[in-house]
Amino acid sequence: MKLATLFCLSLVCFASAALAEEDAAAATHLLRYQFAKGEQVRWKVIHLGTTETKIQGNTQTSKSRSVSTKAWQVTDVDADGNCTFSHTVTNVNMWQQLSDRPEVRYNSETDTEIPVEYQQVAQTVGVPLATITISPKGDIVEREGSKANEQFGIGGIVMLLPDKPVKAGSRWYEPSELHTRLPDGRVKKIKIRKNYTLEKVQTGVATISVKTEVLTPVNDARIEAQLVQQLTDGTIKFDVDAGRVISKEMNWDETVVGFNGADSMMKYLARFTEELLPAERRESKPQPEATASPAAETARASRDAKPALRRE
């Protein structure tokens, strides 16, 4: 009798678990950015890359590493949820080495002398690179400043979110265009799109895979060599309740043959990670808008209550 009872209970538990999984798979989620006026949101960004090129039997290897802090200072959030922020890189720690040449290093927080290779980068540290207004969906409403310096290592400033609520398995696309240059100076436009897929939503965090698709047919290795760093393949984690990206991980492993002669070869290996940093506690005068905002409190509570969600 006891065995029969245990067996029945097991069946009930199994059925309940199956129903819970079905409900989770069928559940829809509205992904939207949420920020509060006056808050600063920061991410730690790490970019590692190795490029090996072989031309006429000569091989050259370039290695680089950059660690930086990206900060958004939110200056306004309007009634429609459109968020205006200034984008700044507050510090960098960079290293590179080219074949047998001496390595070059630069840390913006400790070095007083700036190597020639990093002088242009040093000029951008700690100063607003752009002021941008985005909609809750991630559309760029307004932009002031250079688009080129928005982000180290990875293309756009913000991930585009889907128009409607989505469930696990749903896809959406973000089209864009790249400009490549031919040897005769002509510019060839290449249409691409980022293909996003919602893999799952667990404990309030959406796991989203992203892969770049090249839509324009490319049969020229010289153009392929210019595209390799744009072929994104990775994972983004988005806090549904707080309304912001909490981590990214992108990887590249691309090889192009024949970009500079029949025996030429280029191999590109890289890894990019981005992780949301805890909110800073400031001793300066509090900003009522930021502390009183429900969005700010939700974001803060989400980060404090879910430490295990930083990395799976």
C-alpha atoms as a PDB file:
ATOM      1  CA  MET A   1       0.000   0.000   0.000  1.00  0.00           C
ATOM      2  CA  LYS A   2       2.797   2.364   0.876  1.00  0.00           C
ATOM      3  CA  LEU A   3       4.596   1.620  -2.382  1.00  0.00           C
ATOM      4  CA  ALA A   4       1.435   2.328  -4.350  1.00  0.00           C
ATOM      5  CA  THR A   5       0.952   5.597  -2.504  1.00  0.00           C
ATOM      6  CA  LEU A   6       4.558   6.655  -3.162  1.00  0.00           C
ATOM      7  CA  PHE A   7       4.176   5.715  -6.826  1.00  0.00           C
ATOM      8  CA  CYS A   8       1.040   7.848  -7.133  1.00  0.00           C
ATOM      9  CA  LEU A   9       2.721  10.761  -5.405  1.00  0.00           C
ATOM     10  CA  SER A  10       5.664  10.448  -7.803  1.00  0.00           C
ATOM     11  CA  LEU A  11       3.293  10.556 -10.754  1.00  0.00           C
ATOM     12  CA  VAL A  12       1.598  13.665  -9.346  1.00  0.00           C
ATOM     13  CA  CYS A  13       4.940  15.400  -8.797  1.00  0.00           C
ATOM     14  CA  PHE A  14       6.108  14.446 -12.277  1.00  0.00           C
ATOM     15  CA  ALA A  15       2.905  15.728 -13.840  1.00  0.00           C
ATOM     16  CA  SER A  16       3.106  18.963 -11.846  1.00  0.00           C
ATOM     17  CA  ALA A  17       6.703  19.521 -12.935  1.00  0.00           C
ATOM     18  CA  ALA A  18       5.776  18.850 -16.552  1.00  0.00           C
ATOM     19  CA  LEU A  19       2.901  21.326 -16.354  1.00  0.00           C
ATOM     20  CA  ALA A  20       5.187  23.931 -14.745  1.00  0.00           C
ATOM     21  CA  GLU A  21       7.685  23.516 -17.590  1.00  0.00           C
ATOM     22  CA  GLU A  22       4.907  23.856 -20.156  1.00  0.00           C
ATOM     23  CA  ASP A  23       3.628  27.010 -18.431  1.00  0.00           C
ATOM     24  CA  ALA A  24       7.131  28.492 -18.353  1.00  0.00           C
ATOM     25  CA  ALA A  25       7.629  27.726 -22.043  1.00  0.00           C
ATOM     26  CA  ALA A  26       4.263  29.259 -22.933  1.00  0.00           C
ATOM     27  CA  ALA A  27       4.691  32.373 -20.752  1.00  0.00           C
ATOM     28  CA  THR A  28       5.291  35.637 -22.580  1.00  0.00           C
ATOM     29  CA  HIS A  29       7.581  38.426 -21.410  1.00  0.00           C
ATOM     30  CA  LEU A  30       7.697  42.087 -22.350  1.00  0.00           C
ATOM     31  CA  LEU A  31      11.358  43.136 -22.576  1.00  0.00           C
ATOM     32  CA  ARG A  32      11.811  46.869 -21.994  1.00  0.00           C
ATOM     33  CA  TYR A  33      14.590  49.150 -20.776  1.00  0.00           C
ATOM     34  CA  GLN A  34      13.960  50.915 -17.472  1.00  0.00           C
ATOM     35  CA  PHE A  35      16.157  53.596 -15.974  1.00  0.00           C
ATOM     36  CA  ALA A  36      15.731  56.345 -13.381  1.00  0.00           C
ATOM     37  CA  LYS A  37      16.769  59.959 -13.713  1.00  0.00           C
ATOM     38  CA  GLY A  38      20.007  60.596 -11.823  1.00  0.00           C
ATOM     39  CA  GLU A  39      21.264  57.011 -11.634  1.00  0.00           C
ATOM     40  CA  GLN A  40      24.579  55.834 -13.041  1.00  0.00           C
ATOM     41  CA  VAL A  41      24.784  52.360 -14.562  1.00  0.00           C
ATOM     42  CA  ARG A  42      28.220  50.794 -15.070  1.00  0.00           C
ATOM     43  CA  TRP A  43      29.537  47.682 -16.783  1.00  0.00           C
ATOM     44  CA  LYS A  44      32.971  46.046 -16.708  1.00  0.00           C
ATOM     45  CA  VAL A  45      34.068  45.308 -20.278  1.00  0.00           C
ATOM     46  CA  ILE A  46      36.839  42.855 -21.249  1.00  0.00           C
ATOM     47  CA  HIS A  47      37.960  42.307 -24.832  1.00  0.00           C
ATOM     48  CA  LEU A  48      40.647  39.751 -25.763  1.00  0.00           C
ATOM     49  CA  GLY A  49      41.786  39.287 -29.351  1.00  0.00           C
ATOM     50  CA  THR A  50      44.405  37.469 -31.420  1.00  0.00           C
ATOM     51  CA  THR A  51      44.894  38.004 -35.141  1.00  0.00           C
ATOM     52  CA  GLU A  52      47.280  35.843 -37.153  1.00  0.00           C
ATOM     53  CA  THR A  53      48.039  36.801 -40.753  1.00  0.00           C
ATOM     54  CA  LYS A  54      50.152  34.981 -43.312  1.00  0.00           C
ATOM     55  CA  ILE A  55      51.212  36.731 -46.523  1.00  0.00           C
ATOM     56  CA  GLN A  56      53.806  35.320 -48.957  1.00  0.00           C
ATOM     57  CA  GLY A  57      55.106  32.925 -46.322  1.00  0.00           C
ATOM     58  CA  ASN A  58      55.522  35.587 -43.634  1.00  0.00           C
ATOM     59  CA  THR A  59      53.413  35.153 -40.514  1.00  0.00           C
ATOM     60  CA  GLN A  60      52.552  37.967 -38.120  1.00  0.00           C
ATOM     61  CA  THR A  61      50.614  37.656 -34.886  1.00  0.00           C
ATOM     62  CA  SER A  62      48.888  40.496 -33.065  1.00  0.00           C
ATOM     63  CA  LYS A  63      47.524  40.049 -29.540  1.00  0.00           C
ATOM     64  CA  SER A  64      45.542  42.561 -27.492  1.00  0.00           C
ATOM     65  CA  ARG A  65      43.635  42.841 -24.229  1.00  0.00           C
ATOM     66  CA  SER A  66      41.509  45.697 -22.938  1.00  0.00           C
ATOM     67  CA  VAL A  67      39.657  46.050 -19.640  1.00  0.00           C
ATOM     68  CA  SER A  68      37.455  49.095 -19.241  1.00  0.00           C
ATOM     69  CA  THR A  69      34.476  50.472 -17.355  1.00  0.00           C
ATOM     70  CA  LYS A  70      31.537  51.743 -19.380  1.00  0.00           C
ATOM     71  CA  ALA A  71      29.162  54.154 -17.639  1.00  0.00           C
ATOM     72  CA  TRP A  72      25.758  55.584 -18.494  1.00  0.00           C
ATOM     73  CA  GLN A  73      24.776  58.681 -16.529  1.00  0.00           C
ATOM     74  CA  VAL A  74      21.008  58.996 -16.839  1.00  0.00           C
ATOM     75  CA  THR A  75      20.034  62.660 -17.157  1.00  0.00           C
ATOM     76  CA  ASP A  76      16.338  62.336 -17.988  1.00  0.00           C
ATOM     77  CA  VAL A  77      13.472  59.879 -18.350  1.00  0.00           C
ATOM     78  CA  ASP A  78      10.321  61.287 -19.931  1.00  0.00           C
ATOM     79  CA  ALA A  79       6.685  60.277 -19.487  1.00  0.00           C
ATOM     80  CA  ASP A  80       6.955  57.712 -22.304  1.00  0.00           C
ATOM     81  CA  GLY A  81       9.956  56.031 -20.704  1.00  0.00           C
ATOM     82  CA  ASN A  82      12.458  57.436 -23.207  1.00  0.00           C
ATOM     83  CA  CYS A  83      15.813  57.579 -21.433  1.00  0.00           C
ATOM     84  CA  THR A  84      18.545  60.161 -22.056  1.00  0.00           C
ATOM     85  CA  PHE A  85      22.056  59.338 -20.851  1.00  0.00           C
ATOM     86  CA  SER A  86      25.646  60.345 -21.424  1.00  0.00           C
ATOM     87  CA  HIS A  87      27.984  57.515 -22.405  1.00  0.00           C
ATOM     88  CA  THR A  88      31.472  57.528 -20.874  1.00  0.00           C
ATOM     89  CA  VAL A  89      34.412  55.152 -20.587  1.00  0.00           C
ATOM     90  CA  THR A  90      35.714  55.966 -17.113  1.00  0.00           C
ATOM     91  CA  ASN A  91      38.956  53.925 -17.201  1.00  0.00           C
ATOM     92  CA  VAL A  92      40.953  51.570 -19.408  1.00  0.00           C
ATOM     93  CA  ASN A  93      43.721  49.043 -18.865  1.00  0.00           C
ATOM     94  CA  MET A  94      45.129  47.979 -22.239  1.00  0.00           C
ATOM     95  CA  TRP A  95      47.882  45.757 -23.565  1.00  0.00           C
ATOM     96  CA  GLN A  96      49.061  44.718 -27.026  1.00  0.00           C
ATOM     97  CA  GLN A  97      51.930  42.866 -28.658  1.00  0.00           C
ATOM     98  CA  LEU A  98      52.803  42.524 -32.315  1.00  0.00           C
ATOM     99  CA  SER A  99      54.970  39.512 -33.255  1.00  0.00           C
ATOM    100  CA  ASP A 100      58.517  40.034 -31.892  1.00  0.00           C
ATOM    101  CA  ARG A 101      58.055  43.688 -30.932  1.00  0.00           C
ATOM    102  CA  PRO A 102      58.034  44.727 -27.266  1.00  0.00           C
ATOM    103  CA  GLU A 103      54.638  44.696 -25.613  1.00  0.00           C
ATOM    104  CA  VAL A 104      52.835  47.991 -25.026  1.00  0.00           C
ATOM    105  CA  ARG A 105      50.733  48.720 -21.939  1.00  0.00           C
ATOM    106  CA  TYR A 106      48.572  51.574 -20.717  1.00  0.00           C
ATOM    107  CA  ASN A 107      46.511  51.930 -17.534  1.00  0.00           C
ATOM    108  CA  SER A 108      44.586  55.193 -17.371  1.00  0.00           C
ATOM    109  CA  GLU A 109      44.395  55.038 -13.563  1.00  0.00           C
ATOM    110  CA  THR A 110      48.118  54.571 -12.847  1.00  0.00           C
ATOM    111  CA  ASP A 111      50.210  55.618 -15.863  1.00  0.00           C
ATOM    112  CA  THR A 112      51.344  59.216 -16.327  1.00  0.00           C
ATOM    113  CA  GLU A 113      53.117  58.521 -19.617  1.00  0.00           C
ATOM    114  CA  ILE A 114      50.899  57.492 -22.508  1.00  0.00           C
ATOM    115  CA  PRO A 115      52.374  55.250 -25.239  1.00  0.00           C
ATOM    116  CA  VAL A 116      51.923  56.547 -28.777  1.00  0.00           C
ATOM    117  CA  GLU A 117      49.703  53.573 -29.576  1.00  0.00           C
ATOM    118  CA  TYR A 118      47.169  54.615 -26.909  1.00  0.00           C
ATOM    119  CA  GLN A 119      47.251  58.400 -27.063  1.00  0.00           C
ATOM    120  CA  GLN A 120      44.030  58.623 -29.045  1.00  0.00           C
ATOM    121  CA  VAL A 121      42.276  56.235 -26.658  1.00  0.00           C
ATOM    122  CA  ALA A 122      43.528  58.190 -23.643  1.00  0.00           C
ATOM    123  CA  GLN A 123      41.855  61.350 -24.951  1.00  0.00           C
ATOM    124  CA  THR A 124      38.442  59.654 -24.770  1.00  0.00           C
ATOM    125  CA  VAL A 125      38.710  58.345 -21.193  1.00  0.00           C
ATOM    126  CA  GLY A 126      36.592  60.106 -18.610  1.00  0.00           C
ATOM    127  CA  VAL A 127      34.819  62.438 -21.032  1.00  0.00           C
ATOM    128  CA  PRO A 128      31.274  62.020 -22.409  1.00  0.00           C
ATOM    129  CA  LEU A 129      31.543  60.351 -25.808  1.00  0.00           C
ATOM    130  CA  ALA A 130      27.905  60.796 -26.719  1.00  0.00           C
ATOM    131  CA  THR A 131      24.547  61.836 -25.330  1.00  0.00           C
ATOM    132  CA  ILE A 132      21.843  59.446 -26.455  1.00  0.00           C
ATOM    133  CA  THR A 133      18.104  59.094 -25.998  1.00  0.00           C
ATOM    134  CA  ILE A 134      16.647  55.603 -26.391  1.00  0.00           C
ATOM    135  CA  SER A 135      13.069  54.363 -26.278  1.00  0.00           C
ATOM    136  CA  PRO A 136      12.090  51.570 -23.856  1.00  0.00           C
ATOM    137  CA  LYS A 137      12.437  49.198 -26.833  1.00  0.00           C
ATOM    138  CA  GLY A 138      15.972  50.367 -27.611  1.00  0.00           C
ATOM    139  CA  ASP A 139      15.342  52.558 -30.665  1.00  0.00           C
ATOM    140  CA  ILE A 140      17.718  55.531 -30.924  1.00  0.00           C
ATOM    141  CA  VAL A 141      15.459  58.574 -30.563  1.00  0.00           C
ATOM    142  CA  GLU A 142      18.211  61.200 -30.540  1.00  0.00           C
ATOM    143  CA  ARG A 143      21.994  61.236 -30.555  1.00  0.00           C
ATOM    144  CA  GLU A 144      24.668  63.851 -30.017  1.00  0.00           C
ATOM    145  CA  GLY A 145      28.346  63.005 -30.381  1.00  0.00           C
ATOM    146  CA  SER A 146      30.472  60.495 -32.240  1.00  0.00           C
ATOM    147  CA  LYS A 147      28.949  57.147 -33.095  1.00  0.00           C
ATOM    148  CA  ALA A 148      32.387  55.566 -33.563  1.00  0.00           C
ATOM    149  CA  ASN A 149      33.370  55.830 -29.889  1.00  0.00           C
ATOM    150  CA  GLU A 150      30.185  54.556 -28.305  1.00  0.00           C
ATOM    151  CA  GLN A 151      31.553  51.220 -27.231  1.00  0.00           C
ATOM    152  CA  PHE A 152      34.880  49.404 -27.155  1.00  0.00           C
ATOM    153  CA  GLY A 153      34.886  46.182 -29.123  1.00  0.00           C
ATOM    154  CA  ILE A 154      31.224  45.703 -30.044  1.00  0.00           C
ATOM    155  CA  GLY A 155      29.013  47.583 -32.507  1.00  0.00           C
ATOM    156  CA  GLY A 156      25.856  49.371 -31.359  1.00  0.00           C
ATOM    157  CA  ILE A 157      25.257  51.190 -28.117  1.00  0.00           C
ATOM    158  CA  VAL A 158      22.157  49.220 -27.178  1.00  0.00           C
ATOM    159  CA  MET A 159      20.429  45.945 -28.069  1.00  0.00           C
ATOM    160  CA  LEU A 160      17.119  46.319 -29.881  1.00  0.00           C
ATOM    161  CA  LEU A 161      14.263  44.609 -28.029  1.00  0.00           C
ATOM    162  CA  PRO A 162      11.239  42.922 -29.653  1.00  0.00           C
ATOM    163  CA  ASP A 163       8.087  44.909 -30.487  1.00  0.00           C
ATOM    164  CA  LYS A 164       5.727  42.618 -28.565  1.00  0.00           C
ATOM    165  CA  PRO A 165       5.865  40.235 -25.595  1.00  0.00           C
ATOM    166  CA  VAL A 166       7.851  37.106 -26.486  1.00  0.00           C
ATOM    167  CA  LYS A 167       8.155  33.566 -25.190  1.00  0.00           C
ATOM    168  CA  ALA A 168      11.012  31.068 -25.228  1.00  0.00           C
ATOM    169  CA  GLY A 169      11.997  30.330 -28.814  1.00  0.00           C
ATOM    170  CA  SER A 170      10.819  33.686 -30.201  1.00  0.00           C
ATOM    171  CA  ARG A 171      13.102  35.535 -32.613  1.00  0.00           C
ATOM    172  CA  TRP A 172      13.527  39.144 -33.653  1.00  0.00           C
ATOM    173  CA  TYR A 173      15.966  40.931 -35.932  1.00  0.00           C
ATOM    174  CA  GLU A 174      18.030  44.120 -35.960  1.00  0.00           C
ATOM    175  CA  PRO A 175      19.132  45.146 -39.485  1.00  0.00           C
ATOM    176  CA  SER A 176      22.113  47.382 -40.189  1.00  0.00           C
ATOM    177  CA  GLU A 177      24.673  48.155 -42.866  1.00  0.00           C
ATOM    178  CA  LEU A 178      28.471  47.991 -42.961  1.00  0.00           C
ATOM    179  CA  HIS A 179      30.792  49.869 -45.291  1.00  0.00           C
ATOM    180  CA  THR A 180      33.795  47.996 -46.679  1.00  0.00           C
ATOM    181  CA  ARG A 181      36.489  49.396 -48.953  1.00  0.00           C
ATOM    182  CA  LEU A 182      37.839  47.806 -52.118  1.00  0.00           C
ATOM    183  CA  PRO A 183      41.500  48.190 -53.211  1.00  0.00           C
ATOM    184  CA  ASP A 184      40.521  50.791 -55.838  1.00  0.00           C
ATOM    185  CA  GLY A 185      38.958  52.981 -53.128  1.00  0.00           C
ATOM    186  CA  ARG A 186      35.345  52.177 -53.874  1.00  0.00           C
ATOM    187  CA  VAL A 187      33.029  51.578 -50.940  1.00  0.00           C
ATOM    188  CA  LYS A 188      30.848  48.458 -50.921  1.00  0.00           C
ATOM    189  CA  LYS A 189      27.827  48.401 -48.616  1.00  0.00           C
ATOM    190  CA  ILE A 190      27.075  45.109 -46.889  1.00  0.00           C
ATOM    191  CA  LYS A 191      23.666  44.493 -45.362  1.00  0.00           C
ATOM    192  CA  ILE A 192      23.688  42.483 -42.125  1.00  0.00           C
ATOM    193  CA  ARG A 193      21.267  41.734 -39.339  1.00  0.00           C
ATOM    194  CA  LYS A 194      21.527  40.511 -35.785  1.00  0.00           C
ATOM    195  CA  ASN A 195      19.353  37.492 -35.155  1.00  0.00           C
ATOM    196  CA  TYR A 196      18.134  37.410 -31.535  1.00  0.00           C
ATOM    197  CA  THR A 197      16.486  34.354 -29.943  1.00  0.00           C
ATOM    198  CA  LEU A 198      14.936  34.250 -26.473  1.00  0.00           C
ATOM    199  CA  GLU A 199      16.296  30.981 -25.100  1.00  0.00           C
ATOM    200  CA  LYS A 200      14.652  31.088 -21.675  1.00  0.00           C
ATOM    201  CA  VAL A 201      13.510  33.259 -18.773  1.00  0.00           C
ATOM    202  CA  GLN A 202      14.534  31.995 -15.374  1.00  0.00           C
ATOM    203  CA  THR A 203      14.228  33.814 -12.003  1.00  0.00           C
ATOM    204  CA  GLY A 204      13.556  37.073 -13.827  1.00  0.00           C
ATOM    205  CA  VAL A 205      16.525  36.933 -16.193  1.00  0.00           C
ATOM    206  CA  ALA A 206      16.114  36.452 -19.937  1.00  0.00           C
ATOM    207  CA  THR A 207      18.851  34.535 -21.730  1.00  0.00           C
ATOM    208  CA  ILE A 208      19.121  35.758 -25.320  1.00  0.00           C
ATOM    209  CA  SER A 209      21.355  34.310 -28.011  1.00  0.00           C
ATOM    210  CA  VAL A 210      22.562  36.590 -30.806  1.00  0.00           C
ATOM    211  CA  LYS A 211      24.187  35.786 -34.123  1.00  0.00           C
ATOM    212  CA  THR A 212      25.072  38.138 -36.983  1.00  0.00           C
ATOM    213  CA  GLU A 213      23.873  37.147 -40.449  1.00  0.00           C
ATOM    214  CA  VAL A 214      25.403  38.605 -43.630  1.00  0.00           C
ATOM    215  CA  LEU A 215      22.570  39.266 -46.094  1.00  0.00           C
ATOM    216  CA  THR A 216      24.578  40.682 -49.025  1.00  0.00           C
ATOM    217  CA  PRO A 217      26.337  37.924 -51.007  1.00  0.00           C
ATOM    218  CA  VAL A 218      30.098  38.213 -50.467  1.00  0.00           C
ATOM    219  CA  ASN A 219      32.473  36.311 -52.754  1.00  0.00           C
ATOM    220  CA  ASP A 220      35.567  38.460 -52.251  1.00  0.00           C
ATOM    221  CA  ALA A 221      38.058  37.453 -49.540  1.00  0.00           C
ATOM    222  CA  ARG A 222      39.230  41.074 -49.282  1.00  0.00           C
ATOM    223  CA  ILE A 223      35.744  42.022 -48.087  1.00  0.00           C
ATOM    224  CA  GLU A 224      35.422  38.960 -45.860  1.00  0.00           C
ATOM    225  CA  ALA A 225      38.606  40.016 -44.050  1.00  0.00           C
ATOM    226  CA  GLN A 226      36.946  43.336 -43.172  1.00  0.00           C
ATOM    227  CA  LEU A 227      33.824  41.628 -41.849  1.00  0.00           C
ATOM    228  CA  VAL A 228      35.287  39.079 -39.435  1.00  0.00           C
ATOM    229  CA  GLN A 229      35.152  41.350 -36.388  1.00  0.00           C
ATOM    230  CA  GLN A 230      31.465  42.091 -37.054  1.00  0.00           C
ATOM    231  CA  LEU A 231      30.283  38.465 -37.066  1.00  0.00           C
ATOM    232  CA  THR A 232      28.860  38.381 -33.542  1.00  0.00           C
ATOM    233  CA  ASP A 233      27.969  35.049 -31.934  1.00  0.00           C
ATOM    234  CA  GLY A 234      27.128  34.986 -28.255  1.00  0.00           C
ATOM    235  CA  THR A 235      24.743  35.315 -25.331  1.00  0.00           C
ATOM    236  CA  ILE A 236      23.124  38.281 -23.579  1.00  0.00           C
ATOM    237  CA  LYS A 237      21.424  38.188 -20.180  1.00  0.00           C
ATOM    238  CA  PHE A 238      18.701  40.779 -19.608  1.00  0.00           C
ATOM    239  CA  ASP A 239      17.093  41.504 -16.240  1.00  0.00           C
ATOM    240  CA  VAL A 240      13.382  41.642 -17.087  1.00  0.00           C
ATOM    241  CA  ASP A 241      12.364  43.367 -13.829  1.00  0.00           C
ATOM    242  CA  ALA A 242      15.201  45.913 -13.687  1.00  0.00           C
ATOM    243  CA  GLY A 243      15.080  46.565 -17.433  1.00  0.00           C
ATOM    244  CA  ARG A 244      18.767  46.381 -18.340  1.00  0.00           C
ATOM    245  CA  VAL A 245      21.500  44.123 -19.680  1.00  0.00           C
ATOM    246  CA  ILE A 246      23.381  42.402 -16.870  1.00  0.00           C
ATOM    247  CA  SER A 247      25.923  40.490 -18.953  1.00  0.00           C
ATOM    248  CA  LYS A 248      27.152  39.760 -22.452  1.00  0.00           C
ATOM    249  CA  GLU A 249      29.534  37.163 -23.823  1.00  0.00           C
ATOM    250  CA  MET A 250      30.588  37.164 -27.480  1.00  0.00           C
ATOM    251  CA  ASN A 251      33.081  34.902 -29.246  1.00  0.00           C
ATOM    252  CA  TRP A 252      34.806  34.958 -32.613  1.00  0.00           C
ATOM    253  CA  ASP A 253      36.658  32.198 -34.452  1.00  0.00           C
ATOM    254  CA  GLU A 254      36.968  33.206 -38.107  1.00  0.00           C
ATOM    255  CA  THR A 255      39.440  32.292 -40.861  1.00  0.00           C
ATOM    256  CA  VAL A 256      39.744  33.998 -44.259  1.00  0.00           C
ATOM    257  CA  VAL A 257      41.927  32.560 -47.036  1.00  0.00           C
ATOM    258  CA  GLY A 258      43.118  34.487 -50.107  1.00  0.00           C
ATOM    259  CA  PHE A 259      42.506  38.053 -48.923  1.00  0.00           C
ATOM    260  CA  ASN A 260      45.960  39.179 -50.164  1.00  0.00           C
ATOM    261  CA  GLY A 261      47.147  36.642 -52.679  1.00  0.00           C
ATOM    262  CA  ALA A 262      46.373  32.969 -53.121  1.00  0.00           C
ATOM    263  CA  ASP A 263      48.525  31.809 -50.200  1.00  0.00           C
ATOM    264  CA  SER A 264      47.405  34.501 -47.760  1.00  0.00           C
ATOM    265  CA  MET A 265      45.450  33.653 -44.618  1.00  0.00           C
ATOM    266  CA  MET A 266      43.983  35.517 -41.672  1.00  0.00           C
ATOM    267  CA  LYS A 267      42.666  33.913 -38.489  1.00  0.00           C
ATOM    268  CA  TYR A 268      40.808  35.967 -35.886  1.00  0.00           C
ATOM    269  CA  LEU A 269      40.098  34.685 -32.367  1.00  0.00           C
ATOM    270  CA  ALA A 270      38.431  36.939 -29.809  1.00  0.00           C
ATOM    271  CA  ARG A 271      36.267  36.990 -26.715  1.00  0.00           C
ATOM    272  CA  PHE A 272      34.214  39.889 -25.363  1.00  0.00           C
ATOM    273  CA  THR A 273      32.478  40.009 -21.997  1.00  0.00           C
ATOM    274  CA  GLU A 274      30.456  42.702 -20.281  1.00  0.00           C
ATOM    275  CA  GLU A 275      29.094  42.516 -16.741  1.00  0.00           C
ATOM    276  CA  LEU A 276      26.879  44.884 -14.789  1.00  0.00           C
ATOM    277  CA  LEU A 277      28.621  46.384 -11.751  1.00  0.00           C
ATOM    278  CA  PRO A 278      26.901  47.062  -8.404  1.00  0.00           C
ATOM    279  CA  ALA A 279      25.466  50.518  -7.949  1.00  0.00           C
ATOM    280  CA  GLU A 280      27.834  52.887  -6.157  1.00  0.00           C
ATOM    281  CA  ARG A 281      26.855  54.391  -2.826  1.00  0.00           C
ATOM    282  CA  ARG A 282      27.548  58.117  -3.074  1.00  0.00           C
ATOM    283  CA  GLU A 283      28.178  60.492  -0.172  1.00  0.00           C
ATOM    284  CA  SER A 284      27.141  63.566  -2.144  1.00  0.00           C
ATOM    285  CA  LYS A 285      23.700  65.165  -1.869  1.00  0.00           C
ATOM    286  CA  PRO A 286      20.973  62.682  -2.798  1.00  0.00           C
ATOM    287  CA  GLN A 287      18.929  63.233  -5.930  1.00  0.00           C
ATOM    288  CA  PRO A 288      15.232  62.924  -5.022  1.00  0.00           C
ATOM    289  CA  GLU A 289      14.185  61.841  -8.494  1.00  0.00           C
ATOM    290  CA  ALA A 290      16.530  58.847  -8.436  1.00  0.00           C
ATOM    291  CA  THR A 291      15.795  57.665  -4.886  1.00  0.00           C
ATOM    292  CA  ALA A 292      12.033  58.100  -5.197  1.00  0.00           C
ATOM    293  CA  SER A 293      11.719  56.414  -8.595  1.00  0.00           C
ATOM    294  CA  PRO A 294      10.043  52.978  -8.586  1.00  0.00           C
ATOM    295  CA  ALA A 295      12.241  51.960 -11.539  1.00  0.00           C
ATOM    296  CA  ALA A 296      15.389  52.750  -9.554  1.00  0.00           C
ATOM    297  CA  GLU A 297      14.147  50.831  -6.508  1.00  0.00           C
ATOM    298  CA  THR A 298      13.189  47.851  -8.690  1.00  0.00           C
ATOM    299  CA  ALA A 299      16.598  47.821 -10.378  1.00  0.00           C
ATOM    300  CA  ARG A 300      18.420  48.095  -7.037  1.00  0.00           C
ATOM    301  CA  ALA A 301      16.330  45.364  -5.427  1.00  0.00           C
ATOM    302  CA  SER A 302      16.859  43.095  -8.431  1.00  0.00           C
ATOM    303  CA  ARG A 303      20.617  43.421  -8.242  1.00  0.00           C
ATOM    304  CA  ASP A 304      20.735  42.963  -4.453  1.00  0.00           C
ATOM    305  CA  ALA A 305      18.354  40.017  -4.378  1.00  0.00           C
ATOM    306  CA  LYS A 306      19.853  38.040  -7.249  1.00  0.00           C
ATOM    307  CA  PRO A 307      23.638  37.803  -6.800  1.00  0.00           C
ATOM    308  CA  ALA A 308      23.680  34.336  -8.332  1.00  0.00           C
ATOM    309  CA  LEU A 309      22.403  35.701 -11.644  1.00  0.00           C
ATOM    310  CA  ARG A 310      25.592  37.506 -12.513  1.00  0.00           C
ATOM    311  CA  ARG A 311      27.032  34.496 -14.302  1.00  0.00           C
ATOM    312  CA  GLU A 312      25.791  30.989 -14.906  1.00  0.00           C
END
